[in-house]
Amino acid sequence: MPHSADLANRSFAELDSAWDNAILCEIAMGQTMSRLTVRIGQLRKSEFFNYQNPNIGGGRSGDGATLH
């Protein structure tokens, strides 16, 4: 049976590693969201509208799936 202090230290090390990974994921997600926000902000309103639903408004033909 391992000593409880060894178990505690190992658990803290694993938790610390998991926490680091979670922080890295948060940072990566935040950067992705920032880039998306900037990109959407750069689109003109009409482009954004067509981007969301190319079948409505003056979208170019073949811009997306058409429901039948």
Protein backbone atom coordinates (compact mmCIF):
# COMPACT_ATOMS: atom_id res chain seq x y z
CA MET A 1 0.00 0.00 0.00
CA PRO A 2 1.57 3.33 -1.03
CA HIS A 3 2.12 5.96 1.60
CA SER A 4 -0.71 8.52 1.72
CA ALA A 5 1.74 11.42 1.32
CA ASP A 6 3.01 9.87 -1.92
CA LEU A 7 -0.54 9.53 -3.17
CA ALA A 8 -1.33 13.11 -2.24
CA ASN A 9 1.78 14.43 -3.99
CA ARG A 10 1.03 12.43 -7.11
CA SER A 11 -2.58 13.61 -7.11
CA PHE A 12 -1.48 17.23 -6.78
CA ALA A 13 0.99 16.80 -9.65
CA GLU A 14 -1.72 15.30 -11.88
CA LEU A 15 -4.15 18.02 -10.90
CA ASP A 16 -1.54 20.69 -11.60
CA SER A 17 -0.89 19.22 -15.04
CA ALA A 18 -4.61 19.04 -15.81
CA TRP A 19 -5.02 22.64 -14.66
CA ASP A 20 -2.18 23.76 -16.96
CA ASN A 21 -3.82 21.96 -19.88
CA ALA A 22 -7.17 23.56 -19.09
CA ILE A 23 -5.58 27.01 -19.02
CA LEU A 24 -3.87 26.37 -22.37
CA CYS A 25 -7.21 25.30 -23.84
CA GLU A 26 -8.86 28.45 -22.48
CA ILE A 27 -6.13 30.61 -24.01
CA ALA A 28 -6.39 28.87 -27.39
CA MET A 29 -10.18 29.16 -27.37
CA GLY A 30 -9.98 32.82 -26.42
CA GLN A 31 -7.60 33.54 -29.29
CA THR A 32 -9.86 31.71 -31.74
CA MET A 33 -12.90 33.65 -30.54
CA SER A 34 -10.98 36.92 -30.80
CA ARG A 35 -10.03 36.17 -34.39
CA LEU A 36 -13.62 35.23 -35.24
CA THR A 37 -14.93 38.41 -33.65
CA VAL A 38 -12.45 40.53 -35.60
CA ARG A 39 -13.31 38.72 -38.83
CA ILE A 40 -17.05 39.16 -38.33
CA GLY A 41 -16.47 42.81 -37.49
CA GLN A 42 -14.65 43.26 -40.80
CA LEU A 43 -17.56 41.92 -42.83
CA ARG A 44 -20.06 44.41 -44.13
CA LYS A 45 -23.60 43.83 -42.89
CA SER A 46 -24.85 42.46 -46.23
CA GLU A 47 -21.89 40.07 -46.47
CA PHE A 48 -22.52 38.90 -42.92
CA PHE A 49 -26.18 38.30 -43.73
CA ASN A 50 -25.31 36.25 -46.82
CA TYR A 51 -22.60 34.44 -44.87
CA GLN A 52 -25.14 33.32 -42.28
CA ASN A 53 -27.78 32.24 -44.79
CA PRO A 54 -26.72 32.36 -48.44
CA ASN A 55 -30.21 31.34 -49.63
CA ILE A 56 -31.82 34.58 -48.45
CA GLY A 57 -31.21 37.95 -50.06
CA GLY A 58 -29.10 38.55 -53.14
CA GLY A 59 -26.82 35.60 -52.58
CA ARG A 60 -24.82 34.29 -55.51
CA SER A 61 -26.18 31.09 -57.04
CA GLY A 62 -24.54 27.94 -55.78
CA ASP A 63 -23.68 29.60 -52.50
CA GLY A 64 -25.12 26.93 -50.29
CA ALA A 65 -27.53 24.05 -49.93
CA THR A 66 -31.07 24.72 -51.10
CA LEU A 67 -33.93 23.08 -49.27
CA HIS A 68 -36.44 21.26 -51.45
